[in-house]
Amino acid sequence: MELKSPRSPLPKVLEFNAADATTAEVIKALQTAGGVVLRQFISSEANQQIERDVRPWLEKDRPWNGEWTVLRLEPASDVVIGDFFPPETRRAYGMMGKSRTFAENVVGNQLWTEVCDALLTCVHEKNWVGDKKERSVSLPQLMNTIIFSIGPGARAQVLHRDDSNHHQALSAVAEHELGRDTGIGLFVAAKKTTKQNGATRFIPGSHLWDYDEGPAQESQTFFAELEPGDAFMMLSGCFHGGSANQTAHEERLVYSTFMTRGYLRQEENQYLANDTEAIKKLPAWLQERMGYSVSKPFLGWVDLESPMTLLHPGDATYQQDLW
């Protein structure tokens, strides 16, 4: 089998109805193309409630500051980093504490969590501690939660990979290998998403390329056009970006979240971004997925105990062995 590259045929992006799709089908589609469309991912009622929850926060947001100081890497080589989001974009963050409906229906979606568990769980078998061989399992954790409102006139976002946060620099492979990914992204359409109003575009199969190959070519992009409630799931190693909103009056409203491996640093600091009292009202398993648990062995403890003991004082359930 030949190693994949920008010159390889682009794989087909598959579509499934979220209610009928199996975890195995979605995983296979992701491994092959890097992205998959899931129709009717959340209900109309959940969609409307999330928008009610988030709208006040979007209205408070301000344009991304495009006047940041450039990074000077070497003489005569400046990299501008302040214009990543167009000024017509509004965002809301820390959604686990702002919308329980978002937490339970987007982050807590069963199909989504099963896919993330299959591709991002890490099992550490070869760890001798004295004469005992310890086995530790690190489950995926929440990477970020962002709502995007992209208004008319917004330019296209540049194509990029989201696993750059974890300094990924991978070689080309012929087919997907378990363990290659540091994250998976989910984009849920709150409103109809089209190529004209800014649908996410990505390059199928680019998660398998040598990361030194580039730059990404717009001619290879696929546009994830969605109806309200549909979702697009994508491996973080794929080139992607929001498109230009070329309409006169349409808002592109998207609910997004990423998951990452339990032992990696989260992009969004979940412990400062969310009100602790609001988080205490969520189901315990979602609290753990936010990072209020130990990534075994021994990552994230407080006083040599799971942080869950701070959310549930006196509950012996969370006084666990840190292995």
Protein backbone atom coordinates (compact mmCIF):
# COMPACT_ATOMS: atom_id res chain seq x y z
CA MET A 1 0.00 0.00 0.00
CA GLU A 2 1.30 3.43 -0.93
CA LEU A 3 1.76 6.19 1.61
CA LYS A 4 -0.96 8.83 1.38
CA SER A 5 -0.09 12.32 0.17
CA PRO A 6 -1.72 15.41 -1.38
CA ARG A 7 -1.37 13.61 -4.72
CA SER A 8 -3.45 10.61 -3.59
CA PRO A 9 -7.12 10.33 -4.66
CA LEU A 10 -9.31 12.05 -2.11
CA PRO A 11 -11.55 9.62 -0.17
CA LYS A 12 -15.32 10.05 -0.16
CA VAL A 13 -16.89 11.75 2.86
CA LEU A 14 -19.75 9.55 4.07
CA GLU A 15 -23.08 10.57 5.59
CA PHE A 16 -25.12 8.76 8.21
CA ASN A 17 -28.32 9.38 10.13
CA ALA A 18 -27.11 9.83 13.70
CA ALA A 19 -29.93 7.75 15.15
CA ASP A 20 -29.10 4.75 12.97
CA ALA A 21 -25.32 4.96 12.64
CA THR A 22 -23.20 2.47 14.54
CA THR A 23 -20.04 3.49 16.32
CA ALA A 24 -18.04 1.13 14.09
CA GLU A 25 -19.40 2.75 10.91
CA VAL A 26 -18.51 6.25 12.08
CA ILE A 27 -15.02 5.19 13.20
CA LYS A 28 -14.33 3.53 9.85
CA ALA A 29 -15.50 6.64 7.98
CA LEU A 30 -13.25 8.83 10.13
CA GLN A 31 -10.24 6.57 9.68
CA THR A 32 -10.67 6.63 5.91
CA ALA A 33 -11.65 10.24 5.14
CA GLY A 34 -10.92 12.04 8.40
CA GLY A 35 -14.46 13.45 8.54
CA VAL A 36 -18.08 12.28 8.49
CA VAL A 37 -21.49 13.99 8.27
CA LEU A 38 -24.13 12.96 10.82
CA ARG A 39 -27.70 13.98 10.03
CA GLN A 40 -30.16 14.88 12.83
CA PHE A 41 -27.50 14.74 15.51
CA ILE A 42 -29.49 16.79 18.05
CA SER A 43 -33.21 17.47 18.31
CA SER A 44 -34.89 20.70 17.32
CA GLU A 45 -35.83 21.30 20.96
CA ALA A 46 -32.23 20.92 22.15
CA ASN A 47 -31.01 23.13 19.32
CA GLN A 48 -33.40 25.95 20.23
CA GLN A 49 -32.60 25.72 23.95
CA ILE A 50 -28.86 25.92 23.35
CA GLU A 51 -29.35 29.03 21.22
CA ARG A 52 -31.41 30.65 23.99
CA ASP A 53 -28.68 29.81 26.48
CA VAL A 54 -25.83 31.11 24.34
CA ARG A 55 -27.26 34.19 22.64
CA PRO A 56 -26.54 36.60 25.54
CA TRP A 57 -22.91 35.46 25.62
CA LEU A 58 -22.49 35.90 21.87
CA GLU A 59 -23.84 39.44 22.11
CA LYS A 60 -21.19 40.24 24.74
CA ASP A 61 -18.31 39.08 22.57
CA ARG A 62 -16.06 41.49 20.70
CA PRO A 63 -14.12 41.07 17.45
CA TRP A 64 -10.90 39.08 17.57
CA ASN A 65 -7.99 41.49 18.11
CA GLY A 66 -6.18 41.64 14.77
CA GLU A 67 -3.42 43.90 16.08
CA TRP A 68 -1.42 41.37 18.04
CA THR A 69 2.36 41.63 17.96
CA VAL A 70 3.85 39.40 15.28
CA LEU A 71 6.08 36.47 16.18
CA ARG A 72 9.61 36.99 14.90
CA LEU A 73 11.11 33.55 14.37
CA GLU A 74 14.19 34.64 12.47
CA PRO A 75 15.42 37.80 10.71
CA ALA A 76 13.00 39.00 8.02
CA SER A 77 10.51 36.22 8.90
CA ASP A 78 7.41 37.51 10.68
CA VAL A 79 4.32 35.42 11.38
CA VAL A 80 1.06 37.32 11.97
CA ILE A 81 -1.09 35.52 14.53
CA GLY A 82 -3.76 38.08 15.33
CA ASP A 83 -6.23 37.57 12.47
CA PHE A 84 -7.24 33.93 12.96
CA PHE A 85 -10.96 34.79 13.34
CA PRO A 86 -12.59 37.36 11.05
CA PRO A 87 -14.03 40.43 12.85
CA GLU A 88 -17.59 39.42 11.85
CA THR A 89 -17.29 36.35 14.10
CA ARG A 90 -18.69 36.23 17.63
CA ARG A 91 -17.85 33.44 20.06
CA ALA A 92 -18.96 32.02 23.38
CA TYR A 93 -16.85 29.73 25.54
CA GLY A 94 -17.10 27.73 28.76
CA MET A 95 -20.33 26.12 27.60
CA MET A 96 -20.32 23.32 30.16
CA GLY A 97 -21.30 25.87 32.78
CA LYS A 98 -23.48 28.07 30.57
CA SER A 99 -25.80 25.53 28.96
CA ARG A 100 -26.69 22.20 30.51
CA THR A 101 -28.49 21.34 27.27
CA PHE A 102 -25.21 21.80 25.38
CA ALA A 103 -23.34 19.73 27.96
CA GLU A 104 -25.73 16.79 27.83
CA ASN A 105 -26.77 16.82 24.16
CA VAL A 106 -23.52 17.80 22.43
CA VAL A 107 -20.60 16.86 24.70
CA GLY A 108 -22.64 14.09 26.28
CA ASN A 109 -23.99 12.59 23.04
CA GLN A 110 -23.61 8.80 23.23
CA LEU A 111 -22.39 8.26 19.66
CA TRP A 112 -19.83 11.05 20.05
CA THR A 113 -18.45 9.73 23.35
CA GLU A 114 -18.26 6.17 22.03
CA VAL A 115 -16.26 7.28 18.99
CA CYS A 116 -13.91 9.34 21.16
CA ASP A 117 -13.47 6.45 23.59
CA ALA A 118 -12.52 4.11 20.76
CA LEU A 119 -9.99 6.43 19.12
CA LEU A 120 -8.56 8.43 22.05
CA THR A 121 -8.44 6.05 25.03
CA CYS A 122 -4.90 5.15 26.11
CA VAL A 123 -4.00 1.91 27.91
CA HIS A 124 -0.65 1.69 29.69
CA GLU A 125 0.28 -1.97 30.18
CA LYS A 126 4.07 -1.99 30.63
CA ASN A 127 4.56 -0.32 33.96
CA TRP A 128 6.48 -2.30 36.57
CA VAL A 129 6.28 -0.91 40.10
CA GLY A 130 8.48 -3.15 42.19
CA ASP A 131 7.35 -6.70 41.49
CA LYS A 132 3.85 -5.64 40.41
CA LYS A 133 2.84 -4.85 36.85
CA GLU A 134 0.31 -2.00 36.93
CA ARG A 135 -2.28 -1.37 34.18
CA SER A 136 -3.67 2.13 33.76
CA VAL A 137 -6.41 3.42 31.47
CA SER A 138 -6.60 7.10 30.46
CA LEU A 139 -9.99 8.07 29.04
CA PRO A 140 -10.48 11.05 26.69
CA GLN A 141 -11.13 14.47 28.19
CA LEU A 142 -12.85 17.61 27.01
CA MET A 143 -10.56 19.82 24.92
CA ASN A 144 -12.75 22.89 24.35
CA THR A 145 -16.28 24.20 23.89
CA ILE A 146 -16.87 27.11 21.50
CA ILE A 147 -19.99 28.54 19.90
CA PHE A 148 -19.36 30.37 16.61
CA SER A 149 -21.63 32.99 15.12
CA ILE A 150 -20.26 34.01 11.71
CA GLY A 151 -21.93 37.04 10.20
CA PRO A 152 -22.29 38.24 6.60
CA GLY A 153 -19.06 39.48 5.07
CA ALA A 154 -16.75 37.29 7.14
CA ARG A 155 -13.72 36.16 5.17
CA ALA A 156 -12.62 32.54 5.03
CA GLN A 157 -10.48 31.16 7.80
CA VAL A 158 -7.11 29.83 6.67
CA LEU A 159 -6.77 26.05 6.36
CA HIS A 160 -5.05 24.59 9.40
CA ARG A 161 -4.74 21.50 11.60
CA ASP A 162 -6.05 21.64 15.17
CA ASP A 163 -3.55 19.14 16.55
CA SER A 164 -0.81 21.75 16.22
CA ASN A 165 -1.62 22.62 19.86
CA HIS A 166 0.10 19.39 20.84
CA HIS A 167 3.01 19.90 18.45
CA GLN A 168 2.13 17.01 16.17
CA ALA A 169 4.64 16.39 13.36
CA LEU A 170 3.65 13.08 11.80
CA SER A 171 4.94 11.11 8.84
CA ALA A 172 2.72 9.82 6.04
CA VAL A 173 0.94 6.48 6.44
CA ALA A 174 -0.86 4.22 4.02
CA GLU A 175 -3.87 3.85 6.29
CA HIS A 176 -5.01 5.14 9.65
CA GLU A 177 -3.19 3.80 12.70
CA LEU A 178 -4.79 3.73 16.13
CA GLY A 179 -2.97 6.16 18.38
CA ARG A 180 -2.16 8.67 15.63
CA ASP A 181 -4.77 11.24 16.70
CA THR A 182 -4.58 13.67 19.61
CA GLY A 183 -8.13 14.96 19.17
CA ILE A 184 -11.51 14.77 17.47
CA GLY A 185 -13.78 17.72 16.68
CA LEU A 186 -17.54 18.03 16.46
CA PHE A 187 -19.42 20.88 14.73
CA VAL A 188 -23.21 20.97 15.17
CA ALA A 189 -25.21 23.27 12.91
CA ALA A 190 -27.68 25.45 14.80
CA LYS A 191 -28.84 26.99 11.52
CA LYS A 192 -28.64 25.87 7.90
CA THR A 193 -24.97 25.79 6.94
CA THR A 194 -24.04 26.23 3.28
CA LYS A 195 -20.98 26.89 1.17
CA GLN A 196 -22.31 30.43 0.70
CA ASN A 197 -22.70 31.28 4.40
CA GLY A 198 -19.47 29.75 5.67
CA ALA A 199 -19.69 25.96 6.00
CA THR A 200 -16.63 24.25 7.45
CA ARG A 201 -14.39 23.08 4.64
CA PHE A 202 -11.77 20.39 5.07
CA ILE A 203 -9.46 18.20 3.00
CA PRO A 204 -10.49 14.53 3.13
CA GLY A 205 -7.61 12.19 3.83
CA SER A 206 -5.21 14.92 4.95
CA HIS A 207 -4.91 13.29 8.39
CA LEU A 208 -2.79 10.60 6.71
CA TRP A 209 -0.30 12.90 4.99
CA ASP A 210 3.22 13.80 6.02
CA TYR A 211 2.82 16.96 8.09
CA ASP A 212 5.75 18.55 6.30
CA GLU A 213 3.75 18.58 3.05
CA GLY A 214 2.08 21.89 2.35
CA PRO A 215 0.60 24.37 2.08
CA ALA A 216 -2.94 22.99 1.86
CA GLN A 217 -4.72 23.51 -1.46
CA GLU A 218 -8.21 25.01 -1.58
CA SER A 219 -9.00 22.97 -4.70
CA GLN A 220 -9.09 19.81 -2.53
CA THR A 221 -11.62 21.00 0.04
CA PHE A 222 -14.97 19.43 0.87
CA PHE A 223 -17.73 21.66 2.29
CA ALA A 224 -19.72 20.24 5.20
CA GLU A 225 -23.16 21.62 4.34
CA LEU A 226 -25.63 20.88 7.13
CA GLU A 227 -29.28 21.30 8.05
CA PRO A 228 -30.13 22.56 11.56
CA GLY A 229 -29.30 19.80 14.05
CA ASP A 230 -26.85 18.00 11.72
CA ALA A 231 -23.22 17.55 12.72
CA PHE A 232 -19.81 17.19 11.14
CA MET A 233 -17.23 15.08 13.00
CA MET A 234 -13.55 15.41 12.12
CA LEU A 235 -10.14 14.15 13.23
CA SER A 236 -7.99 17.05 14.41
CA GLY A 237 -5.20 16.07 12.01
CA CYS A 238 -7.22 17.19 8.98
CA PHE A 239 -6.71 20.51 7.24
CA HIS A 240 -9.87 22.55 7.72
CA GLY A 241 -11.24 26.07 8.24
CA GLY A 242 -14.44 28.05 8.29
CA SER A 243 -15.48 29.46 4.90
CA ALA A 244 -16.37 32.99 3.90
CA ASN A 245 -19.92 34.14 4.61
CA GLN A 246 -20.84 35.58 1.22
CA THR A 247 -24.51 36.18 2.05
CA ALA A 248 -26.16 39.49 2.81
CA HIS A 249 -28.20 38.50 5.87
CA GLU A 250 -27.48 34.88 6.96
CA GLU A 251 -25.82 34.00 10.25
CA ARG A 252 -23.87 30.76 10.43
CA LEU A 253 -24.34 29.51 13.99
CA VAL A 254 -22.33 26.46 15.03
CA TYR A 255 -21.92 24.58 18.33
CA SER A 256 -18.46 23.06 18.50
CA THR A 257 -16.44 20.90 20.86
CA PHE A 258 -13.23 18.87 20.73
CA MET A 259 -12.04 15.94 22.80
CA THR A 260 -8.39 15.05 23.40
CA ARG A 261 -6.36 12.38 25.10
CA GLY A 262 -6.58 12.36 28.88
CA TYR A 263 -2.87 12.97 29.45
CA LEU A 264 -2.59 16.04 27.19
CA ARG A 265 -3.18 19.64 28.20
CA GLN A 266 -6.65 20.97 27.37
CA GLU A 267 -6.97 23.93 24.99
CA GLU A 268 -9.71 25.53 27.07
CA ASN A 269 -9.00 25.63 30.80
CA GLN A 270 -12.19 23.96 32.02
CA TYR A 271 -11.60 24.78 35.70
CA LEU A 272 -11.35 28.56 35.24
CA ALA A 273 -13.74 28.84 32.27
CA ASN A 274 -16.76 27.41 34.10
CA ASP A 275 -18.62 28.23 37.30
CA THR A 276 -17.97 25.37 39.74
CA GLU A 277 -21.49 25.49 41.19
CA ALA A 278 -22.95 25.00 37.69
CA ILE A 279 -20.58 22.09 37.05
CA LYS A 280 -21.68 20.38 40.27
CA LYS A 281 -25.17 20.04 38.74
CA LEU A 282 -23.94 18.01 35.76
CA PRO A 283 -23.88 14.20 35.71
CA ALA A 284 -20.74 12.84 37.36
CA TRP A 285 -19.48 11.15 34.21
CA LEU A 286 -19.52 14.50 32.36
CA GLN A 287 -17.63 16.11 35.23
CA GLU A 288 -15.00 13.42 34.85
CA ARG A 289 -14.80 13.98 31.08
CA MET A 290 -14.22 17.68 31.71
CA GLY A 291 -11.04 16.74 33.57
CA TYR A 292 -12.33 16.48 37.14
CA SER A 293 -10.82 13.02 37.34
CA VAL A 294 -7.37 11.50 37.37
CA SER A 295 -5.84 10.46 34.06
CA LYS A 296 -4.29 7.28 35.30
CA PRO A 297 -1.67 6.95 36.46
CA PHE A 298 -1.32 10.03 38.66
CA LEU A 299 -2.19 12.96 36.37
CA GLY A 300 -4.38 15.69 37.82
CA TRP A 301 -4.68 14.76 41.48
CA VAL A 302 -5.38 17.16 44.36
CA ASP A 303 -3.89 16.13 47.72
CA LEU A 304 -3.22 12.73 46.14
CA GLU A 305 -6.94 12.24 45.47
CA SER A 306 -9.22 12.61 42.49
CA PRO A 307 -10.52 16.19 41.95
CA MET A 308 -13.99 14.60 41.99
CA THR A 309 -13.70 14.56 45.78
CA LEU A 310 -13.86 18.38 45.67
CA LEU A 311 -17.13 18.28 43.72
CA HIS A 312 -18.52 15.46 45.88
CA PRO A 313 -17.07 15.89 49.39
CA GLY A 314 -17.59 12.88 51.60
CA ASP A 315 -18.47 10.54 48.72
CA ALA A 316 -16.23 7.49 49.07
CA THR A 317 -16.89 6.57 45.42
CA TYR A 318 -14.17 8.95 44.30
CA GLN A 319 -11.52 8.03 46.87
CA GLN A 320 -9.83 5.71 44.40
CA ASP A 321 -6.44 4.16 43.79
CA LEU A 322 -4.58 6.57 41.49
CA TRP A 323 -3.32 3.70 39.35
